[in-house]
Every structure is written in C-alpha cells, then in structure tokens.
C-alpha cells in the first residue's frame, strides 16, 4: 500500500493518470448541458413542444420568456468589462498553453485542455444572450408578437444547445486523445 506524505501527494499532480481529473472532465461537461444560459432544458423542451403543436399562447411559452427575463441580464457585458475579461482569459490560457505545450508541464496542459473549451462556452453564452435580449425587449414592449419572439428564442436556444453538445464531445475527445498520448510518451509522468 503506498504511503502518502501529504494531501498533494494523495491527489497526485499527474493529471492524465488520475481518476480525479477524468471525473472532473466528465462531470463538468455533463453539468454544462443541463441548462442554457441558466434556463433549464426542461423549460425549453416544453416551450418547443407547445410551439410545434401550434399552441403559441400556452403558459409554458410565457414561462420560457419569464426565465429569459430573469437570466439574460446576468450575461450582459459592457465594452470595458468584456475587454478586461477577454484580456485576463487570454493571458491565463496562453500562459497555461506555453507551460503545458512548450515546457511540458502536465498539470498546466491538463488545465489548459479543461479551461479552453469552457472559455469558448462562456463566450458562446454571452453571444446568445446578446442575440436574445432584443427579442425579449421587443416582446415586452409589444413591438413583436410574443409567440413570434418566443419561437425565435427557442430556435436560437436549440441551435446553441446543439453547438454546446458538439463542443463538449470535441473537448472530451481531444482531452482523452491528448491524455492518452501523454501517458504513452511519459509513462512515468516525466
């Protein structure tokens, strides 16, 4: 039985060789598919079904718009906040990529492979919120019929969900392939 000198020794910094890292990757991408910018998938599914059946004035459609009115303001970024967030994210990801790919640090590479798709997902969500906000505002002001705005919101959210599914599959596949290659090239972790 191996002895552990510390908590770090127990957790092991060999990311690709531990079950903790793979549980985090799988759990994280499973969790990201449960909601679209904060709206539960079940709410979107019910509204989509009601619109497909021609019940555009159903309460579930209004329920979706209510959800959107609650969550969309959280995803609004001003020009200054967006620039700062993009700069910090770019610096962090570039640093991890240089340390992981350039210098061969396994933990940095594993963090890069975990965080890059999450950064892409974050910006996808910000763009979706930016596209949905005018639809919601037009429906609230009465310049666009509520069923029409809801149908367009459902369409955009379904497209976003499909893109997130594709992103998650690519992220897990690329991480698994790169992790397997790393483990073959570095069988002892160095």
Protein backbone atom coordinates (compact mmCIF):
# COMPACT_ATOMS: atom_id res chain seq x y z
CA UNK A 1 0.00 0.00 0.00
CA UNK A 2 1.51 3.38 -0.97
CA UNK A 3 2.19 5.94 1.71
CA UNK A 4 1.00 9.49 1.29
CA UNK A 5 3.16 12.25 2.74
CA UNK A 6 0.63 14.99 2.15
CA UNK A 7 -2.69 15.82 0.59
CA UNK A 8 -0.92 16.87 -2.62
CA UNK A 9 0.83 13.52 -2.73
CA UNK A 10 -2.52 11.82 -2.28
CA UNK A 11 -4.19 13.79 -5.05
CA UNK A 12 -1.13 13.46 -7.33
CA UNK A 13 -0.25 16.14 -9.84
CA UNK A 14 -0.19 13.62 -12.68
CA UNK A 15 -3.45 14.80 -14.16
CA UNK A 16 -3.87 12.44 -17.09
CA UNK A 17 -3.04 9.43 -14.95
CA UNK A 18 -5.54 10.05 -12.16
CA UNK A 19 -9.20 9.27 -11.94
CA UNK A 20 -9.88 12.67 -10.32
CA UNK A 21 -9.08 14.57 -13.48
CA UNK A 22 -11.26 12.37 -15.67
CA UNK A 23 -14.14 12.55 -13.21
CA UNK A 24 -13.83 16.33 -13.31
CA UNK A 25 -13.81 16.42 -17.12
CA UNK A 26 -16.83 14.17 -17.47
CA UNK A 27 -18.76 15.75 -14.60
CA UNK A 28 -18.07 19.26 -15.82
CA UNK A 29 -19.28 18.60 -19.35
CA UNK A 30 -22.30 16.69 -18.06
CA UNK A 31 -23.19 19.66 -15.88
CA UNK A 32 -22.86 22.23 -18.68
CA UNK A 33 -25.58 20.56 -20.72
CA UNK A 34 -28.23 20.83 -18.01
CA UNK A 35 -29.11 24.47 -18.67
CA UNK A 36 -28.83 27.00 -21.45
CA UNK A 37 -27.60 30.32 -20.04
CA UNK A 38 -29.44 29.44 -16.84
CA UNK A 39 -32.72 28.25 -18.36
CA UNK A 40 -33.37 24.58 -17.55
CA UNK A 41 -33.53 22.29 -20.56
CA UNK A 42 -36.96 21.06 -19.45
CA UNK A 43 -38.43 24.58 -19.76
CA UNK A 44 -37.03 24.89 -23.27
CA UNK A 45 -38.34 21.45 -24.21
CA UNK A 46 -41.87 22.20 -23.04
CA UNK A 47 -41.94 25.54 -24.87
CA UNK A 48 -40.58 23.91 -28.02
CA UNK A 49 -43.25 21.21 -27.88
CA UNK A 50 -46.03 23.75 -27.35
CA UNK A 51 -44.82 25.84 -30.30
CA UNK A 52 -44.56 22.74 -32.51
CA UNK A 53 -48.16 21.82 -31.64
CA UNK A 54 -49.35 25.31 -32.58
CA UNK A 55 -50.08 26.38 -29.01
CA UNK A 56 -48.11 29.61 -29.19
CA UNK A 57 -50.13 31.21 -26.39
CA UNK A 58 -49.55 28.33 -23.95
CA UNK A 59 -48.34 29.19 -20.44
CA UNK A 60 -45.12 27.25 -20.99
CA UNK A 61 -44.12 29.70 -23.73
CA UNK A 62 -44.59 32.62 -21.35
CA UNK A 63 -42.73 30.63 -18.71
CA UNK A 64 -39.71 30.45 -21.05
CA UNK A 65 -39.83 34.20 -21.62
CA UNK A 66 -40.06 34.74 -17.85
CA UNK A 67 -36.95 32.63 -17.38
CA UNK A 68 -35.17 34.63 -20.05
CA UNK A 69 -36.11 37.92 -18.41
CA UNK A 70 -34.52 36.65 -15.19
CA UNK A 71 -31.28 35.21 -16.57
CA UNK A 72 -30.38 37.41 -19.53
CA UNK A 73 -29.31 40.47 -17.53
CA UNK A 74 -26.65 38.33 -15.83
CA UNK A 75 -24.99 37.65 -19.19
CA UNK A 76 -24.77 41.27 -20.35
CA UNK A 77 -21.22 42.56 -20.56
CA UNK A 78 -20.28 46.14 -21.23
CA UNK A 79 -17.43 47.03 -23.55
CA UNK A 80 -14.98 47.65 -20.72
CA UNK A 81 -15.88 44.50 -18.76
CA UNK A 82 -15.74 42.37 -21.90
CA UNK A 83 -12.31 43.70 -22.84
CA UNK A 84 -10.88 43.12 -19.37
CA UNK A 85 -12.38 39.64 -19.16
CA UNK A 86 -11.07 38.73 -22.62
CA UNK A 87 -7.59 40.02 -21.76
CA UNK A 88 -7.41 38.12 -18.45
CA UNK A 89 -8.78 34.95 -20.01
CA UNK A 90 -6.41 35.21 -22.97
CA UNK A 91 -3.42 35.77 -20.69
CA UNK A 92 -4.31 32.84 -18.45
CA UNK A 93 -4.97 30.41 -21.28
CA UNK A 94 -1.85 31.49 -23.17
CA UNK A 95 0.25 31.04 -20.04
CA UNK A 96 -1.17 27.56 -19.45
CA UNK A 97 -0.62 26.63 -23.11
CA UNK A 98 3.01 27.78 -23.04
CA UNK A 99 3.71 25.96 -19.78
CA UNK A 100 1.85 22.82 -20.88
CA UNK A 101 2.83 22.52 -24.53
CA UNK A 102 6.08 24.46 -24.60
CA UNK A 103 7.61 23.34 -21.30
CA UNK A 104 5.84 20.00 -20.95
CA UNK A 105 4.15 20.56 -17.60
CA UNK A 106 1.35 18.02 -17.38
CA UNK A 107 -0.78 19.90 -14.85
CA UNK A 108 -0.70 23.10 -16.95
CA UNK A 109 -1.59 21.16 -20.10
CA UNK A 110 -4.47 19.41 -18.33
CA UNK A 111 -5.78 22.73 -17.01
CA UNK A 112 -5.48 24.27 -20.48
CA UNK A 113 -7.43 21.39 -22.06
CA UNK A 114 -10.09 21.81 -19.39
CA UNK A 115 -10.36 25.61 -19.42
CA UNK A 116 -10.10 26.44 -23.14
CA UNK A 117 -13.44 24.82 -24.08
CA UNK A 118 -15.03 26.41 -21.01
CA UNK A 119 -13.84 29.82 -22.17
CA UNK A 120 -15.32 29.14 -25.61
CA UNK A 121 -18.57 28.07 -23.95
CA UNK A 122 -18.66 31.25 -21.86
CA UNK A 123 -18.31 33.48 -24.93
CA UNK A 124 -20.93 31.42 -26.78
CA UNK A 125 -23.33 32.09 -23.92
CA UNK A 126 -22.55 35.81 -23.91
CA UNK A 127 -23.24 35.96 -27.66
CA UNK A 128 -26.51 34.05 -27.25
CA UNK A 129 -27.63 36.45 -24.52
CA UNK A 130 -26.73 39.39 -26.75
CA UNK A 131 -28.91 37.94 -29.52
CA UNK A 132 -31.83 37.08 -27.23
CA UNK A 133 -32.00 40.40 -25.38
CA UNK A 134 -33.53 42.37 -28.31
CA UNK A 135 -36.12 39.62 -28.83
CA UNK A 136 -37.17 39.77 -25.21
CA UNK A 137 -37.23 43.59 -25.22
CA UNK A 138 -39.39 43.65 -28.36
CA UNK A 139 -41.82 41.15 -26.83
CA UNK A 140 -42.04 43.16 -23.61
CA UNK A 141 -42.66 46.44 -25.46
CA UNK A 142 -45.23 44.88 -27.76
CA UNK A 143 -43.39 45.70 -31.00
CA UNK A 144 -43.10 41.99 -31.79
CA UNK A 145 -45.76 39.37 -31.05
CA UNK A 146 -44.92 37.21 -28.07
CA UNK A 147 -45.35 33.87 -29.91
CA UNK A 148 -43.06 35.04 -32.70
CA UNK A 149 -40.38 36.24 -30.25
CA UNK A 150 -40.67 33.01 -28.26
CA UNK A 151 -40.35 30.89 -31.41
CA UNK A 152 -37.21 32.77 -32.43
CA UNK A 153 -35.77 32.45 -28.91
CA UNK A 154 -36.47 28.70 -28.90
CA UNK A 155 -34.84 28.32 -32.32
CA UNK A 156 -31.69 30.14 -31.22
CA UNK A 157 -31.50 28.27 -27.93
CA UNK A 158 -31.86 24.89 -29.66
CA UNK A 159 -29.05 25.79 -32.06
CA UNK A 160 -26.94 26.89 -29.09
CA UNK A 161 -27.65 23.61 -27.27
CA UNK A 162 -26.55 21.59 -30.30
CA UNK A 163 -23.34 23.61 -30.57
CA UNK A 164 -22.67 23.07 -26.85
CA UNK A 165 -23.17 19.33 -27.31
CA UNK A 166 -20.73 19.34 -30.20
CA UNK A 167 -18.23 21.41 -28.20
CA UNK A 168 -18.48 19.05 -25.22
CA UNK A 169 -17.93 15.97 -27.40
CA UNK A 170 -14.92 17.58 -29.07
CA UNK A 171 -13.49 18.75 -25.75
CA UNK A 172 -13.75 15.32 -24.13
CA UNK A 173 -12.41 13.55 -27.25
CA UNK A 174 -9.43 15.88 -27.68
CA UNK A 175 -8.63 15.73 -23.97
CA UNK A 176 -8.84 11.93 -23.99
CA UNK A 177 -6.64 11.60 -27.08
CA UNK A 178 -4.07 14.09 -25.78
CA UNK A 179 -4.12 12.45 -22.35
CA UNK A 180 -3.60 9.00 -23.86
CA UNK A 181 -0.71 10.27 -25.99
CA UNK A 182 0.82 11.98 -22.96
CA UNK A 183 0.57 8.78 -20.92
CA UNK A 184 2.22 6.76 -23.70
CA UNK A 185 5.03 9.27 -24.24
CA UNK A 186 5.56 9.89 -20.50
CA UNK A 187 4.81 6.53 -18.83
CA UNK A 188 6.36 7.59 -15.52
CA UNK A 189 4.99 11.14 -15.55
CA UNK A 190 8.16 12.97 -16.58
